[in-house]
Amino acid sequence: MLVRMIMKKLLFMLGAAAALASCRETSTAVQSNPSAAADAKVLRLDTTFIKASGSRAYNHTYTGSMLVGQTKKVAVPVQIDWTTLEQAGCPQVVAVRVYQLNGGDRRTTLMAKAMRDAVCKPGPQPAGSKRPDGSATAYTGAAYLKLTSEAREIRRTTSVTFTLNGLGYHDTLDGDSTATSRVQ
């Protein structure tokens, strides 16, 4: 009798544990797409070439999408902020920040490197702006960014060189990059 009662309790406990496990398992699902955290703005590069002191600084922003791949493409949204300052006789790029706007999406990554050219040489003005003499160029310093983005979904990496200068000019990220390679 005692054995029978213990067996009933044991079967009841096993049944209750199985019921709890089945309830827990029915409310779970595999998440293949990123959650709302994919909209996170993640800083990928923050560099200051020279300290700004005493002069008026100008802040510029560019937002675009870097396309990764050739036949199937994945867009990686990018924001580039840079500060310019009048130094050494012409406007210079003094600081650069690069953000990946969907930084929470683990299927794409963005890396950035920056190099500054402080030589004052003719450079283009922002689109649509001209100098009082009618020319579209003026003396300025520049910065060059190497942006590399990887899309794990299509197993591709794309690299582009992005130019910006002290006048506010910048290239565009239009996906016409030929530097696409396969990820191993």
N, C-alpha and C. Protein backbone atom coordinates (compact mmCIF):
# COMPACT_ATOMS: atom_id res chain seq x y z
N MET A 1 0.80 -1.18 0.00
CA MET A 1 0.00 0.00 0.00
C MET A 1 0.85 1.25 0.00
N LEU A 2 1.86 1.23 0.83
CA LEU A 2 2.76 2.37 0.89
C LEU A 2 3.50 2.56 -0.44
N VAL A 3 3.89 1.46 -1.06
CA VAL A 3 4.59 1.52 -2.34
C VAL A 3 3.66 2.10 -3.41
N ARG A 4 2.42 1.69 -3.37
CA ARG A 4 1.45 2.17 -4.35
C ARG A 4 1.22 3.68 -4.19
N MET A 5 1.15 4.15 -2.98
CA MET A 5 0.96 5.56 -2.73
C MET A 5 2.19 6.37 -3.18
N ILE A 6 3.36 5.87 -2.95
CA ILE A 6 4.59 6.55 -3.39
C ILE A 6 4.64 6.58 -4.91
N MET A 7 4.24 5.48 -5.57
CA MET A 7 4.24 5.43 -7.04
C MET A 7 3.24 6.44 -7.61
N LYS A 8 2.07 6.59 -6.99
CA LYS A 8 1.09 7.56 -7.45
C LYS A 8 1.64 8.97 -7.34
N LYS A 9 2.27 9.29 -6.20
CA LYS A 9 2.85 10.62 -6.00
C LYS A 9 3.96 10.87 -7.01
N LEU A 10 4.78 9.87 -7.25
CA LEU A 10 5.88 10.00 -8.20
C LEU A 10 5.35 10.24 -9.61
N LEU A 11 4.34 9.48 -10.01
CA LEU A 11 3.73 9.68 -11.33
C LEU A 11 3.07 11.05 -11.44
N PHE A 12 2.41 11.48 -10.37
CA PHE A 12 1.80 12.81 -10.36
C PHE A 12 2.86 13.90 -10.52
N MET A 13 3.98 13.78 -9.81
CA MET A 13 5.08 14.76 -9.90
C MET A 13 5.68 14.78 -11.29
N LEU A 14 5.87 13.60 -11.89
CA LEU A 14 6.42 13.54 -13.25
C LEU A 14 5.46 14.16 -14.25
N GLY A 15 4.17 13.91 -14.08
CA GLY A 15 3.16 14.51 -14.96
C GLY A 15 3.15 16.02 -14.84
N ALA A 16 3.22 16.52 -13.60
CA ALA A 16 3.24 17.97 -13.38
C ALA A 16 4.49 18.60 -13.98
N ALA A 17 5.64 17.96 -13.82
CA ALA A 17 6.89 18.47 -14.40
C ALA A 17 6.83 18.48 -15.92
N ALA A 18 6.24 17.44 -16.52
CA ALA A 18 6.10 17.39 -17.98
C ALA A 18 5.15 18.48 -18.46
N ALA A 19 4.08 18.73 -17.73
CA ALA A 19 3.13 19.78 -18.12
C ALA A 19 3.79 21.15 -18.05
N LEU A 20 4.55 21.40 -17.00
CA LEU A 20 5.27 22.67 -16.88
C LEU A 20 6.29 22.83 -18.00
N ALA A 21 6.99 21.78 -18.31
CA ALA A 21 8.00 21.85 -19.37
C ALA A 21 7.34 22.12 -20.72
N SER A 22 6.20 21.50 -20.99
CA SER A 22 5.52 21.72 -22.27
C SER A 22 4.99 23.15 -22.36
N CYS A 23 4.51 23.71 -21.26
CA CYS A 23 4.05 25.10 -21.27
C CYS A 23 5.21 26.05 -21.54
N ARG A 24 6.33 25.79 -20.93
CA ARG A 24 7.49 26.64 -21.11
C ARG A 24 7.99 26.55 -22.53
N GLU A 25 8.02 25.35 -23.11
CA GLU A 25 8.53 25.17 -24.46
C GLU A 25 7.63 25.78 -25.52
N THR A 26 6.31 25.83 -25.28
CA THR A 26 5.42 26.38 -26.30
C THR A 26 5.55 27.89 -26.42
N SER A 27 6.04 28.57 -25.43
CA SER A 27 6.15 30.02 -25.51
C SER A 27 7.52 30.49 -25.99
N THR A 28 8.36 29.58 -26.43
CA THR A 28 9.67 29.97 -26.95
C THR A 28 9.68 29.81 -28.45
N ALA A 29 10.53 30.60 -29.11
CA ALA A 29 10.66 30.53 -30.56
C ALA A 29 12.07 30.93 -30.93
N VAL A 30 12.54 30.42 -32.03
CA VAL A 30 13.86 30.79 -32.52
C VAL A 30 13.73 32.16 -33.18
N GLN A 31 14.61 33.08 -32.79
CA GLN A 31 14.55 34.43 -33.34
C GLN A 31 15.64 34.58 -34.39
N SER A 32 15.24 34.60 -35.67
CA SER A 32 16.23 34.72 -36.75
C SER A 32 16.46 36.17 -37.13
N ASN A 33 15.50 37.02 -36.86
CA ASN A 33 15.67 38.44 -37.16
C ASN A 33 16.02 39.19 -35.89
N PRO A 34 16.78 40.28 -36.02
CA PRO A 34 17.15 41.03 -34.82
C PRO A 34 15.94 41.72 -34.21
N SER A 35 16.02 42.00 -32.95
CA SER A 35 14.92 42.66 -32.24
C SER A 35 15.00 44.17 -32.48
N ALA A 36 14.21 44.91 -31.75
CA ALA A 36 14.19 46.37 -31.89
C ALA A 36 15.52 47.00 -31.53
N ALA A 37 16.40 46.27 -30.86
CA ALA A 37 17.71 46.80 -30.50
C ALA A 37 18.60 46.99 -31.72
N ALA A 38 18.16 46.52 -32.89
CA ALA A 38 18.95 46.67 -34.12
C ALA A 38 19.08 48.13 -34.53
N ASP A 39 18.23 48.99 -33.99
CA ASP A 39 18.29 50.40 -34.33
C ASP A 39 19.33 51.16 -33.52
N ALA A 40 20.12 50.48 -32.74
CA ALA A 40 21.09 51.13 -31.88
C ALA A 40 22.16 51.85 -32.70
N LYS A 41 22.53 53.03 -32.24
CA LYS A 41 23.59 53.83 -32.86
C LYS A 41 24.88 53.51 -32.12
N VAL A 42 25.82 52.85 -32.80
CA VAL A 42 27.04 52.39 -32.15
C VAL A 42 28.24 53.13 -32.73
N LEU A 43 29.05 53.70 -31.86
CA LEU A 43 30.26 54.42 -32.26
C LEU A 43 31.31 53.43 -32.72
N ARG A 44 31.79 53.56 -33.96
CA ARG A 44 32.80 52.66 -34.51
C ARG A 44 34.17 53.30 -34.63
N LEU A 45 34.25 54.63 -34.69
CA LEU A 45 35.53 55.34 -34.74
C LEU A 45 35.34 56.71 -34.11
N ASP A 46 36.24 57.08 -33.23
CA ASP A 46 36.24 58.41 -32.63
C ASP A 46 37.69 58.85 -32.54
N THR A 47 38.08 59.78 -33.39
CA THR A 47 39.46 60.21 -33.40
C THR A 47 39.54 61.73 -33.45
N THR A 48 40.48 62.28 -32.73
CA THR A 48 40.76 63.71 -32.76
C THR A 48 42.19 63.87 -33.25
N PHE A 49 42.35 64.55 -34.38
CA PHE A 49 43.68 64.73 -34.96
C PHE A 49 44.45 65.83 -34.24
N ILE A 50 43.79 66.96 -33.98
CA ILE A 50 44.42 68.06 -33.24
C ILE A 50 43.39 68.66 -32.30
N LYS A 51 43.87 69.24 -31.21
CA LYS A 51 42.98 69.87 -30.24
C LYS A 51 42.52 71.22 -30.77
N ALA A 52 41.23 71.44 -30.74
CA ALA A 52 40.66 72.72 -31.16
C ALA A 52 40.74 73.69 -30.00
N SER A 53 41.34 74.85 -30.24
CA SER A 53 41.45 75.82 -29.16
C SER A 53 41.27 77.24 -29.71
N GLY A 54 40.34 77.95 -29.14
CA GLY A 54 40.18 79.36 -29.43
C GLY A 54 39.49 79.71 -30.74
N SER A 55 39.55 78.90 -31.75
CA SER A 55 38.94 79.22 -33.02
C SER A 55 37.53 78.67 -33.10
N ARG A 56 36.78 79.15 -34.06
CA ARG A 56 35.42 78.67 -34.26
C ARG A 56 35.45 77.35 -35.01
N ALA A 57 34.78 76.36 -34.49
CA ALA A 57 34.74 75.04 -35.11
C ALA A 57 33.42 74.89 -35.86
N TYR A 58 33.45 74.15 -36.98
CA TYR A 58 32.26 73.87 -37.78
C TYR A 58 32.01 72.38 -37.76
N ASN A 59 30.78 72.01 -37.48
CA ASN A 59 30.43 70.59 -37.40
C ASN A 59 29.64 70.19 -38.65
N HIS A 60 29.96 69.04 -39.20
CA HIS A 60 29.31 68.52 -40.39
C HIS A 60 28.84 67.10 -40.12
N THR A 61 27.75 66.69 -40.78
CA THR A 61 27.23 65.34 -40.63
C THR A 61 26.81 64.81 -41.99
N TYR A 62 27.11 63.53 -42.22
CA TYR A 62 26.65 62.83 -43.42
C TYR A 62 26.05 61.50 -42.97
N THR A 63 24.88 61.16 -43.49
CA THR A 63 24.25 59.88 -43.21
C THR A 63 23.95 59.20 -44.53
N GLY A 64 24.36 57.95 -44.66
CA GLY A 64 24.13 57.19 -45.88
C GLY A 64 24.13 55.70 -45.58
N SER A 65 23.99 54.91 -46.61
CA SER A 65 24.01 53.45 -46.46
C SER A 65 25.11 52.87 -47.32
N MET A 66 25.94 52.06 -46.71
CA MET A 66 27.00 51.36 -47.42
C MET A 66 26.43 50.02 -47.88
N LEU A 67 26.51 49.75 -49.18
CA LEU A 67 25.99 48.50 -49.73
C LEU A 67 27.07 47.45 -49.75
N VAL A 68 26.76 46.28 -49.22
CA VAL A 68 27.68 45.16 -49.17
C VAL A 68 27.16 44.09 -50.12
N GLY A 69 28.03 43.57 -50.98
CA GLY A 69 27.64 42.52 -51.92
C GLY A 69 27.55 43.02 -53.34
N GLN A 70 27.35 42.08 -54.27
CA GLN A 70 27.26 42.45 -55.68
C GLN A 70 25.88 42.14 -56.25
N THR A 71 25.48 40.88 -56.26
CA THR A 71 24.15 40.55 -56.79
C THR A 71 23.10 40.72 -55.70
N LYS A 72 23.32 40.10 -54.56
CA LYS A 72 22.46 40.31 -53.40
C LYS A 72 23.17 41.33 -52.52
N LYS A 73 22.48 42.39 -52.16
CA LYS A 73 23.10 43.48 -51.41
C LYS A 73 22.42 43.68 -50.07
N VAL A 74 23.24 44.04 -49.09
CA VAL A 74 22.75 44.37 -47.76
C VAL A 74 23.20 45.79 -47.46
N ALA A 75 22.29 46.64 -47.01
CA ALA A 75 22.61 48.03 -46.69
C ALA A 75 22.98 48.15 -45.22
N VAL A 76 24.10 48.82 -44.97
CA VAL A 76 24.56 49.09 -43.60
C VAL A 76 24.50 50.60 -43.41
N PRO A 77 23.56 51.12 -42.60
CA PRO A 77 23.44 52.56 -42.42
C PRO A 77 24.60 53.12 -41.61
N VAL A 78 25.16 54.24 -42.10
CA VAL A 78 26.35 54.84 -41.51
C VAL A 78 26.10 56.33 -41.29
N GLN A 79 26.60 56.85 -40.18
CA GLN A 79 26.59 58.30 -39.94
C GLN A 79 28.02 58.73 -39.67
N ILE A 80 28.46 59.77 -40.38
CA ILE A 80 29.82 60.30 -40.21
C ILE A 80 29.69 61.75 -39.77
N ASP A 81 30.29 62.07 -38.63
CA ASP A 81 30.34 63.44 -38.11
C ASP A 81 31.79 63.89 -38.12
N TRP A 82 32.04 65.12 -38.57
CA TRP A 82 33.40 65.64 -38.51
C TRP A 82 33.39 67.12 -38.19
N THR A 83 34.46 67.54 -37.54
CA THR A 83 34.62 68.93 -37.11
C THR A 83 35.77 69.53 -37.89
N THR A 84 35.56 70.75 -38.37
CA THR A 84 36.62 71.46 -39.10
C THR A 84 36.97 72.74 -38.36
N LEU A 85 38.17 73.21 -38.60
CA LEU A 85 38.71 74.36 -37.91
C LEU A 85 39.69 75.06 -38.83
N GLU A 86 39.73 76.36 -38.77
CA GLU A 86 40.68 77.13 -39.57
C GLU A 86 42.06 77.02 -38.91
N GLN A 87 42.99 76.32 -39.58
CA GLN A 87 44.36 76.17 -39.07
C GLN A 87 45.32 76.07 -40.23
N ALA A 88 46.53 76.55 -40.04
CA ALA A 88 47.60 76.47 -41.04
C ALA A 88 47.19 77.12 -42.36
N GLY A 89 46.34 78.14 -42.30
CA GLY A 89 45.98 78.90 -43.49
C GLY A 89 44.78 78.38 -44.26
N CYS A 90 44.16 77.29 -43.82
CA CYS A 90 42.98 76.78 -44.53
C CYS A 90 42.15 75.94 -43.57
N PRO A 91 40.89 75.64 -43.94
CA PRO A 91 40.06 74.78 -43.08
C PRO A 91 40.62 73.36 -43.01
N GLN A 92 40.70 72.82 -41.81
CA GLN A 92 41.26 71.48 -41.60
C GLN A 92 40.23 70.60 -40.89
N VAL A 93 40.29 69.31 -41.14
CA VAL A 93 39.49 68.34 -40.41
C VAL A 93 40.24 68.04 -39.12
N VAL A 94 39.59 68.29 -37.98
CA VAL A 94 40.28 68.09 -36.70
C VAL A 94 39.76 66.90 -35.91
N ALA A 95 38.55 66.44 -36.21
CA ALA A 95 37.99 65.29 -35.48
C ALA A 95 36.98 64.57 -36.37
N VAL A 96 36.91 63.24 -36.23
CA VAL A 96 35.98 62.42 -37.01
C VAL A 96 35.34 61.38 -36.09
N ARG A 97 34.04 61.18 -36.28
CA ARG A 97 33.32 60.10 -35.59
C ARG A 97 32.51 59.34 -36.63
N VAL A 98 32.55 58.02 -36.55
CA VAL A 98 31.79 57.16 -37.46
C VAL A 98 30.87 56.28 -36.61
N TYR A 99 29.58 56.26 -36.97
CA TYR A 99 28.59 55.46 -36.26
C TYR A 99 27.98 54.43 -37.21
N GLN A 100 27.69 53.25 -36.71
CA GLN A 100 26.86 52.28 -37.41
C GLN A 100 25.47 52.42 -36.82
N LEU A 101 24.50 52.80 -37.65
CA LEU A 101 23.18 53.12 -37.14
C LEU A 101 22.36 51.88 -36.77
N ASN A 102 22.67 50.73 -37.33
CA ASN A 102 21.97 49.50 -36.93
C ASN A 102 22.94 48.62 -36.14
N GLY A 103 23.67 49.22 -35.24
CA GLY A 103 24.73 48.55 -34.51
C GLY A 103 24.30 47.36 -33.69
N GLY A 104 23.02 47.25 -33.36
CA GLY A 104 22.54 46.09 -32.61
C GLY A 104 22.31 44.87 -33.48
N ASP A 105 22.35 45.03 -34.79
CA ASP A 105 22.15 43.92 -35.72
C ASP A 105 23.46 43.15 -35.84
N ARG A 106 23.51 41.95 -35.30
CA ARG A 106 24.76 41.18 -35.28
C ARG A 106 25.08 40.56 -36.64
N ARG A 107 24.18 40.71 -37.62
CA ARG A 107 24.44 40.15 -38.94
C ARG A 107 25.33 41.06 -39.78
N THR A 108 25.52 42.31 -39.36
CA THR A 108 26.39 43.24 -40.09
C THR A 108 27.36 43.91 -39.12
N THR A 109 28.55 44.20 -39.63
CA THR A 109 29.53 44.93 -38.82
C THR A 109 30.17 46.00 -39.68
N LEU A 110 30.64 47.06 -39.04
CA LEU A 110 31.31 48.16 -39.71
C LEU A 110 32.60 48.46 -38.96
N MET A 111 33.69 48.63 -39.70
CA MET A 111 34.95 49.05 -39.12
C MET A 111 35.42 50.28 -39.87
N ALA A 112 36.13 51.19 -39.19
CA ALA A 112 36.59 52.41 -39.84
C ALA A 112 37.99 52.76 -39.36
N LYS A 113 38.79 53.29 -40.29
CA LYS A 113 40.12 53.83 -39.99
C LYS A 113 40.19 55.20 -40.64
N ALA A 114 40.94 56.11 -40.03
CA ALA A 114 41.02 57.47 -40.56
C ALA A 114 42.47 57.89 -40.71
N MET A 115 42.72 58.70 -41.74
CA MET A 115 44.04 59.28 -41.98
C MET A 115 43.81 60.73 -42.39
N ARG A 116 44.62 61.63 -41.84
CA ARG A 116 44.45 63.06 -42.10
C ARG A 116 45.53 63.56 -43.03
N ASP A 117 45.13 64.41 -43.98
CA ASP A 117 46.06 65.10 -44.87
C ASP A 117 45.94 66.59 -44.55
N ALA A 118 46.93 67.14 -43.85
CA ALA A 118 46.86 68.52 -43.38
C ALA A 118 47.44 69.50 -44.40
N VAL A 119 47.83 69.05 -45.58
CA VAL A 119 48.39 69.94 -46.60
C VAL A 119 47.24 70.75 -47.21
N CYS A 120 47.41 72.06 -47.27
CA CYS A 120 46.41 72.93 -47.89
C CYS A 120 46.54 72.82 -49.40
N LYS A 121 45.56 72.22 -50.03
CA LYS A 121 45.55 72.08 -51.49
C LYS A 121 44.12 72.23 -51.98
N PRO A 122 43.94 72.51 -53.28
CA PRO A 122 42.58 72.70 -53.78
C PRO A 122 41.72 71.46 -53.55
N GLY A 123 40.55 71.69 -53.00
CA GLY A 123 39.61 70.61 -52.74
C GLY A 123 38.21 71.06 -53.09
N PRO A 124 37.31 70.13 -53.36
CA PRO A 124 35.94 70.50 -53.75
C PRO A 124 35.13 71.07 -52.59
N GLN A 125 34.19 71.93 -52.95
CA GLN A 125 33.25 72.49 -51.98
C GLN A 125 32.06 71.53 -51.87
N PRO A 126 31.22 71.69 -50.86
CA PRO A 126 30.01 70.86 -50.78
C PRO A 126 29.15 71.06 -52.03
N ALA A 127 28.36 70.05 -52.36
CA ALA A 127 27.53 70.09 -53.56
C ALA A 127 26.67 71.36 -53.58
N GLY A 128 26.68 72.05 -54.71
CA GLY A 128 25.85 73.23 -54.89
C GLY A 128 26.43 74.52 -54.37
N SER A 129 27.57 74.50 -53.69
CA SER A 129 28.13 75.76 -53.18
C SER A 129 29.36 76.15 -54.00
N LYS A 130 29.49 77.44 -54.22
CA LYS A 130 30.62 77.98 -54.98
C LYS A 130 31.20 79.16 -54.22
N ARG A 131 32.45 79.47 -54.50
CA ARG A 131 33.12 80.62 -53.91
C ARG A 131 32.64 81.89 -54.60
N PRO A 132 32.90 83.04 -54.01
CA PRO A 132 32.48 84.30 -54.64
C PRO A 132 33.05 84.48 -56.06
N ASP A 133 34.22 83.91 -56.34
CA ASP A 133 34.79 84.04 -57.69
C ASP A 133 34.19 83.03 -58.67
N GLY A 134 33.24 82.19 -58.22
CA GLY A 134 32.55 81.24 -59.10
C GLY A 134 33.19 79.87 -59.18
N SER A 135 34.34 79.68 -58.54
CA SER A 135 34.99 78.37 -58.62
C SER A 135 34.38 77.40 -57.61
N ALA A 136 34.49 76.13 -57.91
CA ALA A 136 33.92 75.09 -57.04
C ALA A 136 34.96 74.50 -56.11
N THR A 137 36.20 74.98 -56.15
CA THR A 137 37.25 74.46 -55.28
C THR A 137 37.88 75.60 -54.48
N ALA A 138 38.48 75.23 -53.36
CA ALA A 138 39.21 76.16 -52.51
C ALA A 138 40.28 75.38 -51.78
N TYR A 139 41.22 76.06 -51.16
CA TYR A 139 42.29 75.37 -50.43
C TYR A 139 41.75 74.83 -49.12
N THR A 140 42.07 73.58 -48.85
CA THR A 140 41.57 72.91 -47.65
C THR A 140 42.44 71.70 -47.32
N GLY A 141 42.33 71.24 -46.09
CA GLY A 141 42.90 69.96 -45.68
C GLY A 141 41.81 68.90 -45.77
N ALA A 142 42.18 67.64 -45.74
CA ALA A 142 41.20 66.56 -45.92
C ALA A 142 41.47 65.43 -44.94
N ALA A 143 40.52 64.54 -44.86
CA ALA A 143 40.67 63.29 -44.11
C ALA A 143 40.12 62.18 -44.99
N TYR A 144 40.76 61.02 -44.90
CA TYR A 144 40.34 59.86 -45.69
C TYR A 144 39.95 58.75 -44.72
N LEU A 145 38.77 58.21 -44.92
CA LEU A 145 38.28 57.11 -44.11
C LEU A 145 38.28 55.84 -44.93
N LYS A 146 38.72 54.76 -44.35
CA LYS A 146 38.55 53.45 -44.97
C LYS A 146 37.46 52.76 -44.18
N LEU A 147 36.31 52.57 -44.84
CA LEU A 147 35.17 51.91 -44.22
C LEU A 147 35.08 50.49 -44.75
N THR A 148 35.04 49.53 -43.85
CA THR A 148 34.92 48.12 -44.21
C THR A 148 33.69 47.58 -43.51
N SER A 149 32.82 46.97 -44.29
CA SER A 149 31.59 46.42 -43.73
C SER A 149 31.44 44.97 -44.15
N GLU A 150 30.93 44.17 -43.22
CA GLU A 150 30.73 42.74 -43.47
C GLU A 150 29.26 42.40 -43.24
N ALA A 151 28.71 41.61 -44.15
CA ALA A 151 27.34 41.10 -44.01
C ALA A 151 27.42 39.58 -43.92
N ARG A 152 27.19 39.05 -42.75
CA ARG A 152 27.31 37.59 -42.55
C ARG A 152 26.23 36.83 -43.31
N GLU A 153 25.09 37.47 -43.51
CA GLU A 153 23.97 36.84 -44.19
C GLU A 153 24.34 36.40 -45.61
N ILE A 154 25.12 37.22 -46.31
CA ILE A 154 25.51 36.89 -47.69
C ILE A 154 27.00 36.56 -47.80
N ARG A 155 27.68 36.53 -46.68
CA ARG A 155 29.11 36.19 -46.62
C ARG A 155 29.95 37.05 -47.56
N ARG A 156 29.80 38.36 -47.42
CA ARG A 156 30.56 39.31 -48.24
C ARG A 156 31.11 40.43 -47.36
N THR A 157 32.22 41.01 -47.83
CA THR A 157 32.83 42.17 -47.21
C THR A 157 33.07 43.21 -48.28
N THR A 158 32.79 44.46 -47.98
CA THR A 158 33.03 45.56 -48.91
C THR A 158 33.84 46.63 -48.20
N SER A 159 34.83 47.19 -48.92
CA SER A 159 35.63 48.29 -48.40
C SER A 159 35.55 49.46 -49.36
N VAL A 160 35.42 50.66 -48.81
CA VAL A 160 35.43 51.88 -49.61
C VAL A 160 36.32 52.90 -48.94
N THR A 161 36.89 53.79 -49.75
CA THR A 161 37.62 54.93 -49.23
C THR A 161 36.71 56.14 -49.35
N PHE A 162 36.52 56.84 -48.26
CA PHE A 162 35.59 57.95 -48.16
C PHE A 162 36.39 59.21 -47.87
N THR A 163 36.22 60.24 -48.69
CA THR A 163 36.95 61.49 -48.52
C THR A 163 36.04 62.57 -47.97
N LEU A 164 36.54 63.34 -47.01
CA LEU A 164 35.85 64.52 -46.52
C LEU A 164 36.88 65.60 -46.30
N ASN A 165 36.46 66.86 -46.37
CA ASN A 165 37.45 67.93 -46.21
C ASN A 165 36.95 69.01 -45.27
N GLY A 166 37.81 69.99 -45.05
CA GLY A 166 37.52 71.07 -44.11
C GLY A 166 36.46 72.04 -44.59
N LEU A 167 36.10 71.98 -45.88
CA LEU A 167 35.07 72.87 -46.41
C LEU A 167 33.67 72.29 -46.21
N GLY A 168 33.57 71.02 -45.81
CA GLY A 168 32.28 70.36 -45.63
C GLY A 168 31.96 69.38 -46.74
N TYR A 169 32.86 69.26 -47.73
CA TYR A 169 32.64 68.30 -48.81
C TYR A 169 32.80 66.87 -48.29
N HIS A 170 32.03 65.93 -48.86
CA HIS A 170 32.16 64.52 -48.54
C HIS A 170 31.78 63.70 -49.76
N ASP A 171 32.34 62.51 -49.87
CA ASP A 171 31.91 61.55 -50.89
C ASP A 171 30.55 61.00 -50.48
N THR A 172 29.97 60.17 -51.33
CA THR A 172 28.72 59.52 -50.98
C THR A 172 28.92 58.01 -50.94
N LEU A 173 28.16 57.35 -50.13
CA LEU A 173 28.17 55.89 -50.05
C LEU A 173 27.06 55.38 -50.96
N ASP A 174 27.40 55.09 -52.19
CA ASP A 174 26.37 54.69 -53.14
C ASP A 174 26.45 53.23 -53.55
N GLY A 175 27.38 52.49 -52.97
CA GLY A 175 27.45 51.07 -53.25
C GLY A 175 28.15 50.70 -54.54
N ASP A 176 28.81 51.66 -55.21
CA ASP A 176 29.50 51.36 -56.45
C ASP A 176 30.93 50.89 -56.23
N SER A 177 31.23 50.48 -55.02
CA SER A 177 32.58 50.03 -54.70
C SER A 177 32.90 48.74 -55.45
N THR A 178 34.11 48.68 -55.97
CA THR A 178 34.57 47.45 -56.66
C THR A 178 35.38 46.56 -55.73
N ALA A 179 35.66 47.02 -54.53
CA ALA A 179 36.48 46.26 -53.59
C ALA A 179 35.62 45.34 -52.75
N THR A 180 35.06 44.33 -53.38
CA THR A 180 34.21 43.36 -52.67
C THR A 180 34.94 42.02 -52.67
N SER A 181 35.02 41.38 -51.54
CA SER A 181 35.70 40.09 -51.45
C SER A 181 34.86 39.11 -50.66
N ARG A 182 35.11 37.86 -50.84
CA ARG A 182 34.36 36.80 -50.15
C ARG A 182 34.95 36.56 -48.77
N VAL A 183 34.09 36.38 -47.77
CA VAL A 183 34.50 36.09 -46.40
C VAL A 183 34.63 34.59 -46.26
N GLN A 184 35.71 34.12 -45.66
CA GLN A 184 35.92 32.68 -45.48
C GLN A 184 35.40 32.26 -44.13
